[in-house]
């Protein structure tokens, strides 16, 4: 497995390229700023050169002509002062009348007067560049002053401060300076910054491998894989999110496995209980068909009763399965209403007295007639009470009693169904509401479908209330829950 931190190498490579590009542009910018700085200082120091030349060389321009002798004197004077300086005499349109310039030939015949006039107007206190007559299109720093004849401006003295030879010498020394300043100092700075940036990236991404390995391990089926030792920053947030997600997924997998096991057990149990009444019905029907002439009326009647009893059991099992599946799939929506709970309890007790009497069990009701209305789904509560009473009667023997009791407790009404039957072993109590849980102490398959109390629990969950159980072996059991009084109902 490749565990290299490719993200680190990609980011480090990108940063290196970025710093090289930045180094190039910073160096170019430094050179430009250095040139501008030097030019501005040089221009400031030489801003009055043209004025001095005008004072020193009076009579250079006499009417419409240029005095050749004066121009020769000007050349010697300028060369003595600064051999790199170029002096141009311009007329009022910027045309070059005469010039003093060393070495290179003057190619331009005129220069732009706009920067000259601005320079003169602001008395040289502005950094501005003008045309270079030797290199048309290029710009140079300059000094300028008006040339007067009879107190009238007839032209301009235009002085290039530092000519081409000066530029060549400056470029040579400037190259050495930039190499020392930019190449050395700038590269030192950029190298240090790059090293710091790469180190920072490494520290930020060093945990990336741990996270990637955990993801790969989890993907391959190791659901116990977790990211350890990554707790801070964005990587820590990612690690904690993965760990929480892994815990949730593992919990869901375990729950699904548990549900699948319950499903298999449920199918096996249902198959057994469906097979038993069907086999009984089939067997007695076949007996009636084969031995119809041999059986007397009493035997036929007994066989038909057995068939009817098994048909009822089969119907109840199918009804329970249908009801439980609707509750678990949340296809049965809650339809609460105001209920006179005492009337409901009395109706259920009257209906079950006939069934209980056949087994020798008594049913008693205890309640006050002035109980307030409760708020619940009457059909579901009726079904839950019937399942609880069915369960109670099944666990009773002749002479036992099933009691239905109502009592008010603050803003609720307590509904209790108790019996004096066989009771439930303590080890079974935590599991009685599980699907198809008949209890290990029961061996008679006719004692219920195993779904009745599971349906009761689902009905209570839908109402967002709890059902409680108390039981003592050979003394009986009590199931009870509480419903809110109508005015105090709070929807879940």
Protein backbone atom coordinates (compact mmCIF):
# COMPACT_ATOMS: atom_id res chain seq x y z
CA UNK A 1 0.00 0.00 0.00
CA UNK A 2 1.38 3.40 -1.04
CA UNK A 3 1.42 5.55 2.09
CA UNK A 4 3.34 8.55 0.75
CA UNK A 5 1.87 11.90 1.63
CA UNK A 6 1.20 12.90 -1.98
CA UNK A 7 -0.84 15.89 -0.83
CA UNK A 8 2.25 17.27 0.93
CA UNK A 9 4.43 16.83 -2.18
CA UNK A 10 1.84 18.46 -4.42
CA UNK A 11 1.42 21.46 -2.13
CA UNK A 12 5.19 21.74 -1.56
CA UNK A 13 5.81 21.67 -5.33
CA UNK A 14 3.14 24.29 -5.90
CA UNK A 15 4.62 26.53 -3.20
CA UNK A 16 8.12 26.15 -4.66
CA UNK A 17 6.86 27.19 -8.11
CA UNK A 18 4.86 30.03 -6.58
CA UNK A 19 7.90 31.34 -4.70
CA UNK A 20 10.06 31.17 -7.85
CA UNK A 21 7.50 33.22 -9.75
CA UNK A 22 7.21 35.64 -6.83
CA UNK A 23 11.01 35.89 -6.67
CA UNK A 24 11.17 36.78 -10.36
CA UNK A 25 8.51 39.50 -10.10
CA UNK A 26 9.90 40.84 -6.83
CA UNK A 27 13.36 41.09 -8.42
CA UNK A 28 11.94 42.88 -11.47
CA UNK A 29 9.98 45.20 -9.19
CA UNK A 30 13.06 45.88 -7.08
CA UNK A 31 15.05 46.82 -10.17
CA UNK A 32 12.29 49.14 -11.36
CA UNK A 33 11.92 50.77 -7.95
CA UNK A 34 15.69 51.13 -7.70
CA UNK A 35 15.82 52.81 -11.10
CA UNK A 36 12.94 55.13 -10.25
CA UNK A 37 14.53 56.01 -6.94
CA UNK A 38 17.89 56.75 -8.56
CA UNK A 39 16.31 58.76 -11.39
CA UNK A 40 14.16 60.80 -9.03
CA UNK A 41 17.16 61.65 -6.82
CA UNK A 42 19.34 62.43 -9.83
CA UNK A 43 16.68 64.62 -11.40
CA UNK A 44 16.14 66.45 -8.13
CA UNK A 45 19.85 67.15 -7.75
CA UNK A 46 20.17 68.38 -11.34
CA UNK A 47 16.87 70.22 -11.72
CA UNK A 48 18.60 73.63 -11.98
CA UNK A 49 21.30 72.58 -14.48
CA UNK A 50 19.46 74.16 -17.41
CA UNK A 51 19.07 77.43 -15.48
CA UNK A 52 22.82 77.53 -14.86
CA UNK A 53 23.53 76.86 -18.51
CA UNK A 54 21.18 79.69 -19.54
CA UNK A 55 23.05 82.10 -17.23
CA UNK A 56 26.47 80.97 -18.37
CA UNK A 57 25.78 81.10 -22.06
CA UNK A 58 23.91 84.30 -22.88
CA UNK A 59 23.61 85.32 -26.54
CA UNK A 60 23.45 81.75 -27.81
CA UNK A 61 20.27 82.57 -29.68
CA UNK A 62 20.28 85.94 -31.47
CA UNK A 63 17.06 86.64 -33.25
CA UNK A 64 16.50 83.78 -35.68
CA UNK A 65 20.06 82.45 -35.70
CA UNK A 66 22.24 80.42 -33.40
CA UNK A 67 25.67 81.74 -32.61
CA UNK A 68 28.18 79.00 -33.57
CA UNK A 69 30.91 80.39 -31.32
CA UNK A 70 28.59 80.39 -28.35
CA UNK A 71 27.59 76.78 -29.11
CA UNK A 72 31.27 75.75 -29.12
CA UNK A 73 31.80 77.46 -25.78
CA UNK A 74 28.73 75.65 -24.43
CA UNK A 75 30.14 72.27 -25.55
CA UNK A 76 33.44 72.82 -23.78
CA UNK A 77 31.65 74.08 -20.70
CA UNK A 78 29.31 71.07 -20.51
CA UNK A 79 32.06 68.54 -21.17
CA UNK A 80 34.13 70.09 -18.42
CA UNK A 81 31.19 70.00 -16.02
CA UNK A 82 29.74 66.53 -16.82
CA UNK A 83 30.73 64.56 -19.93
CA UNK A 84 27.53 62.45 -19.65
CA UNK A 85 25.21 65.47 -19.91
CA UNK A 86 23.47 66.29 -23.21
CA UNK A 87 22.23 69.81 -23.93
CA UNK A 88 19.64 70.71 -26.59
CA UNK A 89 18.44 74.10 -27.74
CA UNK A 90 14.76 73.90 -28.70
CA UNK A 91 12.51 76.39 -30.38
CA UNK A 92 8.97 77.08 -29.20
CA UNK A 93 7.66 74.03 -31.13
CA UNK A 94 10.17 71.60 -29.66
CA UNK A 95 12.36 71.40 -32.75
CA UNK A 96 16.06 70.82 -32.02
CA UNK A 97 18.07 73.80 -33.23
CA UNK A 98 21.46 72.86 -31.80
CA UNK A 99 22.77 70.28 -29.41
CA UNK A 100 25.81 69.21 -27.43
CA UNK A 101 25.87 65.40 -27.12
CA UNK A 102 28.79 62.99 -26.98
CA UNK A 103 29.38 59.83 -28.98
CA UNK A 104 26.01 58.76 -30.39
CA UNK A 105 24.28 60.55 -33.21
CA UNK A 106 21.14 62.50 -32.38
CA UNK A 107 18.37 60.82 -34.36
CA UNK A 108 15.31 62.87 -33.36
CA UNK A 109 14.59 66.32 -34.82
CA UNK A 110 12.16 67.36 -32.10
CA UNK A 111 10.98 66.48 -28.63
CA UNK A 112 7.61 66.58 -26.85
CA UNK A 113 7.18 69.90 -25.02
CA UNK A 114 4.44 68.73 -22.63
CA UNK A 115 6.79 67.25 -19.95
CA UNK A 116 9.16 70.23 -20.43
CA UNK A 117 6.42 72.77 -19.77
CA UNK A 118 5.17 70.79 -16.75
CA UNK A 119 8.72 70.60 -15.37
CA UNK A 120 9.22 74.36 -15.79
CA UNK A 121 5.73 75.14 -14.45
CA UNK A 122 6.43 73.23 -11.23
CA UNK A 123 10.02 74.54 -10.98
CA UNK A 124 11.51 71.07 -11.26
CA UNK A 125 9.70 69.74 -8.18
CA UNK A 126 8.16 66.82 -10.07
CA UNK A 127 9.56 63.47 -11.13
CA UNK A 128 8.90 63.33 -14.84
CA UNK A 129 10.69 61.87 -17.84
CA UNK A 130 11.06 63.32 -21.30
CA UNK A 131 12.05 62.21 -24.79
CA UNK A 132 15.58 60.93 -25.52
CA UNK A 133 16.69 62.50 -28.85
CA UNK A 134 19.34 59.80 -29.35
CA UNK A 135 16.84 56.98 -28.85
CA UNK A 136 13.39 57.93 -30.20
CA UNK A 137 10.68 56.28 -28.09
CA UNK A 138 12.88 56.02 -24.98
CA UNK A 139 12.44 58.23 -21.91
CA UNK A 140 15.09 60.01 -19.81
CA UNK A 141 15.24 62.29 -16.80
CA UNK A 142 15.99 65.87 -17.73
CA UNK A 143 16.29 69.48 -16.69
CA UNK A 144 14.75 72.34 -18.61
CA UNK A 145 14.63 76.13 -18.54
CA UNK A 146 13.18 78.80 -20.84
CA UNK A 147 15.64 80.77 -23.03
CA UNK A 148 14.87 84.47 -23.20
CA UNK A 149 15.66 87.04 -25.87
CA UNK A 150 14.69 90.62 -25.13
CA UNK A 151 12.76 89.34 -22.08
CA UNK A 152 10.71 87.09 -24.28
CA UNK A 153 10.78 83.28 -24.34
CA UNK A 154 12.15 82.22 -27.71
CA UNK A 155 13.07 78.63 -26.87
CA UNK A 156 14.14 76.13 -24.25
CA UNK A 157 17.35 74.65 -22.92
CA UNK A 158 16.64 70.90 -22.62
CA UNK A 159 19.29 68.97 -20.68
CA UNK A 160 19.39 65.20 -20.51
CA UNK A 161 20.82 64.39 -17.08
CA UNK A 162 23.08 61.43 -17.75
CA UNK A 163 23.38 60.31 -21.32
CA UNK A 164 23.80 56.88 -22.88
CA UNK A 165 27.36 56.41 -21.66
CA UNK A 166 26.19 57.24 -18.18
CA UNK A 167 23.37 54.71 -18.57
CA UNK A 168 25.77 51.99 -19.68
CA UNK A 169 28.03 52.61 -16.68
CA UNK A 170 25.03 52.75 -14.36
CA UNK A 171 23.64 49.49 -15.78
CA UNK A 172 26.98 47.76 -15.24
CA UNK A 173 27.16 48.79 -11.59
CA UNK A 174 23.46 48.38 -11.13
CA UNK A 175 23.72 44.76 -12.31
CA UNK A 176 26.31 44.11 -9.67
CA UNK A 177 24.15 45.82 -7.05
CA UNK A 178 21.02 43.87 -7.98
CA UNK A 179 22.90 40.60 -7.92
CA UNK A 180 24.06 41.38 -4.43
CA UNK A 181 20.76 42.78 -3.20
CA UNK A 182 18.10 40.81 -5.07
CA UNK A 183 19.84 37.56 -5.95
CA UNK A 184 21.44 37.17 -2.54
CA UNK A 185 19.16 38.84 -0.04
CA UNK A 186 15.93 38.21 -1.93
CA UNK A 187 16.73 34.55 -2.52
CA UNK A 188 17.69 34.16 1.13
CA UNK A 189 14.37 35.65 2.12
CA UNK A 190 12.36 33.57 -0.34
CA UNK A 191 14.22 30.38 0.59
CA UNK A 192 13.50 30.97 4.27
CA UNK A 193 9.85 31.75 3.53
CA UNK A 194 9.57 28.65 1.34
CA UNK A 195 11.11 26.46 4.04
CA UNK A 196 8.69 27.83 6.63
CA UNK A 197 5.74 27.35 4.27
CA UNK A 198 6.75 23.76 3.41
CA UNK A 199 7.25 22.94 7.11
CA UNK A 200 3.83 24.40 7.88
CA UNK A 201 2.23 22.35 5.12
CA UNK A 202 3.95 19.22 6.42
CA UNK A 203 2.69 19.86 9.94
CA UNK A 204 -0.82 20.42 8.60
CA UNK A 205 -0.86 17.33 6.37
CA UNK A 206 1.22 14.86 8.38
CA UNK A 207 -1.93 13.28 9.75
CA UNK A 208 -3.38 12.80 6.28
CA UNK A 209 -1.86 9.31 6.00
CA UNK A 210 -3.48 8.22 9.27
CA UNK A 211 -6.85 9.37 8.04
CA UNK A 212 -6.43 7.79 4.60
CA UNK A 213 -5.32 4.45 6.10
CA UNK A 214 -8.32 4.42 8.46
CA UNK A 215 -10.68 5.05 5.56
CA UNK A 216 -9.11 2.27 3.49
CA UNK A 217 -9.19 -0.16 6.41
CA UNK A 218 -12.84 0.62 7.12
CA UNK A 219 -13.67 0.21 3.43
CA UNK A 220 -12.12 -3.27 3.43
CA UNK A 221 -14.42 -4.39 6.25
CA UNK A 222 -12.48 -3.54 9.40
CA UNK A 223 -15.31 -1.70 11.11
CA UNK A 224 -13.22 -1.28 14.27
CA UNK A 225 -10.81 1.04 12.41
CA UNK A 226 -10.52 4.43 14.07
CA UNK A 227 -8.25 7.47 13.70
CA UNK A 228 -6.10 7.91 16.81
CA UNK A 229 -3.98 10.88 17.88
CA UNK A 230 -5.54 13.47 15.54
CA UNK A 231 -7.50 15.90 17.68
CA UNK A 232 -6.82 19.48 16.59
CA UNK A 233 -7.56 21.74 13.64
CA UNK A 234 -9.36 20.78 10.44
CA UNK A 235 -7.67 17.36 10.38
CA UNK A 236 -8.88 16.76 13.94
CA UNK A 237 -12.40 17.75 12.92
CA UNK A 238 -12.22 15.36 9.96
CA UNK A 239 -10.87 12.56 12.18
CA UNK A 240 -13.55 13.05 14.82
CA UNK A 241 -16.24 13.16 12.14
CA UNK A 242 -14.95 9.89 10.68
CA UNK A 243 -14.82 8.25 14.11
CA UNK A 244 -18.39 9.35 14.88
CA UNK A 245 -19.53 8.14 11.48
CA UNK A 246 -17.76 4.79 11.97
CA UNK A 247 -19.40 4.36 15.39
CA UNK A 248 -22.82 5.08 13.89
CA UNK A 249 -22.27 2.71 10.97
CA UNK A 250 -20.98 -0.05 13.24
CA UNK A 251 -23.94 0.44 15.57
CA UNK A 252 -26.32 0.29 12.61
CA UNK A 253 -24.63 -2.85 11.31
CA UNK A 254 -24.91 -4.51 14.72
CA UNK A 255 -28.54 -3.47 14.94
CA UNK A 256 -29.25 -4.79 11.45
CA UNK A 257 -27.59 -8.08 12.36
CA UNK A 258 -29.70 -8.25 15.50
CA UNK A 259 -32.85 -7.44 13.53
CA UNK A 260 -31.92 -10.03 10.95
CA UNK A 261 -31.48 -12.65 13.65
CA UNK A 262 -34.86 -11.68 15.12
CA UNK A 263 -36.37 -11.85 11.66
CA UNK A 264 -35.06 -15.36 11.14
CA UNK A 265 -36.31 -16.40 14.56
CA UNK A 266 -39.67 -14.76 13.90
CA UNK A 267 -40.06 -16.51 10.55
CA UNK A 268 -39.16 -19.85 12.10
CA UNK A 269 -41.62 -19.39 14.97
CA UNK A 270 -44.41 -18.10 12.75
CA UNK A 271 -43.86 -20.96 10.32
CA UNK A 272 -44.21 -23.40 13.22
CA UNK A 273 -47.34 -21.75 14.63
CA UNK A 274 -48.95 -21.42 11.24
CA UNK A 275 -48.17 -25.02 10.44
CA UNK A 276 -49.75 -26.32 13.66
CA UNK A 277 -53.32 -24.97 13.25
CA UNK A 278 -53.25 -25.58 9.49
CA UNK A 279 -52.21 -29.19 10.04
CA UNK A 280 -54.90 -29.61 12.69
CA UNK A 281 -57.59 -28.10 10.46
CA UNK A 282 -56.49 -30.22 7.52
CA UNK A 283 -56.36 -33.39 9.62
CA UNK A 284 -59.85 -33.03 11.10
CA UNK A 285 -61.39 -31.96 7.77
CA UNK A 286 -59.87 -35.03 6.09
CA UNK A 287 -61.20 -37.19 8.94
CA UNK A 288 -64.69 -35.76 8.48
CA UNK A 289 -64.52 -36.38 4.74
CA UNK A 290 -63.15 -39.94 4.98
CA UNK A 291 -65.16 -41.15 7.98
CA UNK A 292 -68.29 -39.11 7.43
CA UNK A 293 -70.55 -42.20 7.55
CA UNK A 294 -68.74 -43.72 10.56
CA UNK A 295 -68.88 -40.67 12.86
CA UNK A 296 -71.87 -39.84 14.97
CA UNK A 297 -73.22 -36.33 15.31
CA UNK A 298 -71.44 -35.71 18.61
CA UNK A 299 -68.04 -36.59 17.14
CA UNK A 300 -68.70 -34.48 14.06
CA UNK A 301 -69.64 -31.56 16.29
CA UNK A 302 -66.46 -31.96 18.36
CA UNK A 303 -64.31 -32.13 15.25
CA UNK A 304 -65.94 -29.00 13.82
CA UNK A 305 -65.33 -27.14 17.08
CA UNK A 306 -61.66 -28.10 16.91
CA UNK A 307 -61.49 -26.86 13.31
CA UNK A 308 -63.19 -23.60 14.32
CA UNK A 309 -60.88 -23.13 17.29
CA UNK A 310 -57.78 -23.57 15.12
CA UNK A 311 -59.23 -21.28 12.47
CA UNK A 312 -59.72 -18.58 15.13
CA UNK A 313 -56.16 -19.08 16.33
CA UNK A 314 -54.87 -18.83 12.77
CA UNK A 315 -56.88 -15.65 12.17
CA UNK A 316 -55.58 -14.08 15.39
CA UNK A 317 -51.98 -14.86 14.44
CA UNK A 318 -52.42 -13.33 10.99
CA UNK A 319 -54.19 -10.26 12.47
CA UNK A 320 -51.39 -9.80 15.01
CA UNK A 321 -48.73 -10.02 12.32
CA UNK A 322 -50.59 -7.52 10.15
CA UNK A 323 -51.07 -5.08 13.04
CA UNK A 324 -47.44 -5.34 14.18
CA UNK A 325 -46.11 -4.84 10.66
CA UNK A 326 -48.23 -1.67 10.23
CA UNK A 327 -47.01 -0.27 13.56
CA UNK A 328 -43.36 -1.03 12.83
CA UNK A 329 -43.60 0.43 9.32
CA UNK A 330 -45.34 3.51 10.81
CA UNK A 331 -48.25 3.05 8.40
CA UNK A 332 -50.68 3.44 11.30
CA UNK A 333 -50.88 7.15 12.14
CA UNK A 334 -52.00 8.31 15.57
CA UNK A 335 -55.55 9.70 15.71
CA UNK A 336 -55.98 10.99 19.27
CA UNK A 337 -59.33 12.10 20.68
CA UNK A 338 -61.02 12.66 24.04
CA UNK A 339 -61.88 9.29 25.63
CA UNK A 340 -64.13 8.43 28.54
CA UNK A 341 -61.72 5.79 29.76
CA UNK A 342 -64.13 4.35 32.38
CA UNK A 343 -66.66 3.47 29.67
CA UNK A 344 -63.95 1.86 27.54
CA UNK A 345 -62.73 -0.27 30.46
CA UNK A 346 -66.28 -1.33 31.32
CA UNK A 347 -67.04 -2.34 27.71
CA UNK A 348 -63.85 -4.42 27.49
CA UNK A 349 -64.54 -6.08 30.87
CA UNK A 350 -68.10 -7.00 29.82
CA UNK A 351 -66.81 -8.54 26.59
CA UNK A 352 -64.13 -10.61 28.33
CA UNK A 353 -66.30 -11.86 31.18
CA UNK A 354 -67.84 -14.48 28.89
CA UNK A 355 -64.40 -15.69 27.75
CA UNK A 356 -62.99 -15.64 31.28
CA UNK A 357 -66.01 -17.46 32.71
CA UNK A 358 -65.35 -20.46 30.45
CA UNK A 359 -61.96 -20.81 32.12
CA UNK A 360 -63.28 -20.13 35.63
CA UNK A 361 -61.58 -16.72 35.87
CA UNK A 362 -63.27 -13.63 37.30
CA UNK A 363 -62.92 -10.10 35.96
CA UNK A 364 -63.33 -7.11 38.28
CA UNK A 365 -63.34 -3.39 37.55
CA UNK A 366 -62.39 -0.65 40.01
CA UNK A 367 -62.77 3.02 39.11
CA UNK A 368 -64.40 6.29 40.03
CA UNK A 369 -67.29 7.55 37.92
CA UNK A 370 -66.03 11.15 37.94
CA UNK A 371 -62.74 10.44 36.18
CA UNK A 372 -61.81 13.14 33.61
CA UNK A 373 -61.48 12.52 29.89
CA UNK A 374 -58.12 11.29 28.61
CA UNK A 375 -56.57 12.01 25.23
CA UNK A 376 -55.43 9.05 23.10
CA UNK A 377 -56.16 6.93 20.03
CA UNK A 378 -59.17 4.93 21.23
CA UNK A 379 -58.74 2.10 18.72
CA UNK A 380 -55.08 1.53 19.62
CA UNK A 381 -55.67 1.77 23.39
CA UNK A 382 -58.56 -0.68 23.05
CA UNK A 383 -56.27 -3.09 21.17
CA UNK A 384 -53.51 -2.73 23.77
CA UNK A 385 -55.90 -3.42 26.68
CA UNK A 386 -57.35 -6.45 24.94
CA UNK A 387 -53.87 -7.90 24.35
CA UNK A 388 -52.94 -7.33 28.01
CA UNK A 389 -56.18 -8.96 29.24
CA UNK A 390 -55.70 -11.89 26.81
CA UNK A 391 -52.23 -12.36 28.27
CA UNK A 392 -53.56 -12.19 31.83
CA UNK A 393 -56.32 -14.75 31.24
CA UNK A 394 -53.88 -17.12 29.54
CA UNK A 395 -51.70 -17.11 32.66
CA UNK A 396 -54.62 -17.70 35.06
CA UNK A 397 -56.12 -20.91 36.35
CA UNK A 398 -59.70 -21.50 37.48
CA UNK A 399 -60.41 -19.39 40.56
CA UNK A 400 -57.98 -16.61 39.64
CA UNK A 401 -59.02 -12.99 39.24
CA UNK A 402 -58.20 -10.35 36.62
CA UNK A 403 -58.67 -6.76 37.84
CA UNK A 404 -59.02 -3.60 35.74
CA UNK A 405 -58.42 -0.46 37.79
CA UNK A 406 -58.45 3.24 37.00
CA UNK A 407 -57.11 6.02 39.24
CA UNK A 408 -56.17 9.68 38.81
CA UNK A 409 -52.56 10.73 39.45
CA UNK A 410 -52.06 14.49 39.08
CA UNK A 411 -52.63 15.30 35.39
CA UNK A 412 -52.82 11.69 34.28
CA UNK A 413 -55.05 8.65 34.67
CA UNK A 414 -53.37 5.37 35.58
CA UNK A 415 -54.73 2.23 33.83
CA UNK A 416 -53.80 -1.03 35.57
CA UNK A 417 -54.49 -4.66 34.55
CA UNK A 418 -53.49 -7.17 37.23
CA UNK A 419 -54.07 -10.89 37.76
CA UNK A 420 -53.51 -13.56 40.38
CA UNK A 421 -52.06 -16.02 37.88
CA UNK A 422 -48.76 -17.81 37.52
CA UNK A 423 -46.59 -14.67 37.32
CA UNK A 424 -43.45 -14.06 35.26
CA UNK A 425 -39.92 -15.14 36.28
CA UNK A 426 -37.58 -12.17 36.95
CA UNK A 427 -35.21 -13.23 34.17
CA UNK A 428 -38.05 -13.02 31.66
CA UNK A 429 -39.34 -9.54 32.61
CA UNK A 430 -36.81 -7.55 30.50
CA UNK A 431 -37.79 -9.52 27.39
CA UNK A 432 -41.58 -9.88 27.53
CA UNK A 433 -42.20 -7.09 25.00
CA UNK A 434 -39.89 -8.57 22.39
CA UNK A 435 -41.47 -9.94 19.24
CA UNK A 436 -42.51 -13.55 19.52
CA UNK A 437 -41.36 -13.78 23.14
CA UNK A 438 -43.54 -16.34 24.84
CA UNK A 439 -41.26 -16.93 27.74
CA UNK A 440 -39.03 -19.95 28.32
CA UNK A 441 -41.28 -21.05 31.16
CA UNK A 442 -44.14 -21.61 28.68
CA UNK A 443 -44.24 -24.87 26.82
CA UNK A 444 -47.86 -24.84 25.69
CA UNK A 445 -47.92 -23.38 22.19
CA UNK A 446 -51.54 -22.45 22.62
CA UNK A 447 -50.70 -19.74 25.13
CA UNK A 448 -50.78 -16.87 22.66
CA UNK A 449 -49.14 -15.93 19.36
CA UNK A 450 -46.12 -14.35 20.98
CA UNK A 451 -46.91 -11.03 19.32
CA UNK A 452 -49.54 -9.56 21.64
CA UNK A 453 -47.21 -7.78 24.08
CA UNK A 454 -44.95 -6.65 21.24
CA UNK A 455 -47.99 -4.91 19.74
CA UNK A 456 -48.78 -3.36 23.14
CA UNK A 457 -45.24 -1.93 23.34
CA UNK A 458 -45.49 -0.45 19.83
CA UNK A 459 -48.84 1.17 20.68
CA UNK A 460 -47.32 2.75 23.78
CA UNK A 461 -44.34 3.99 21.74
CA UNK A 462 -46.68 5.62 19.23
CA UNK A 463 -48.37 7.45 22.14
CA UNK A 464 -44.94 8.37 23.57
CA UNK A 465 -45.79 6.77 26.92
CA UNK A 466 -44.23 3.94 28.92
CA UNK A 467 -45.76 0.68 30.07
CA UNK A 468 -44.59 -0.91 33.31
CA UNK A 469 -44.71 -4.49 34.61
CA UNK A 470 -44.59 -5.95 38.10
CA UNK A 471 -44.74 -9.68 38.69
CA UNK A 472 -44.18 -12.29 41.39
CA UNK A 473 -44.04 -16.00 40.58
CA UNK A 474 -47.26 -17.84 41.60
CA UNK A 475 -48.78 -14.57 42.86
CA UNK A 476 -49.59 -12.76 39.66
CA UNK A 477 -48.62 -9.81 37.46
CA UNK A 478 -49.59 -6.17 36.96
CA UNK A 479 -49.33 -4.16 33.73
CA UNK A 480 -49.95 -0.43 34.00
CA UNK A 481 -49.53 2.79 32.04
CA UNK A 482 -50.73 6.39 32.24
CA UNK A 483 -52.67 8.53 29.78
CA UNK A 484 -52.71 12.35 29.89
CA UNK A 485 -55.89 14.16 30.85
CA UNK A 486 -57.37 15.92 27.81
CA UNK A 487 -56.38 19.50 28.76
CA UNK A 488 -52.79 18.43 29.56
CA UNK A 489 -52.03 16.48 26.39
CA UNK A 490 -48.78 17.42 24.68
CA UNK A 491 -48.20 16.00 21.21
CA UNK A 492 -44.90 14.21 20.77
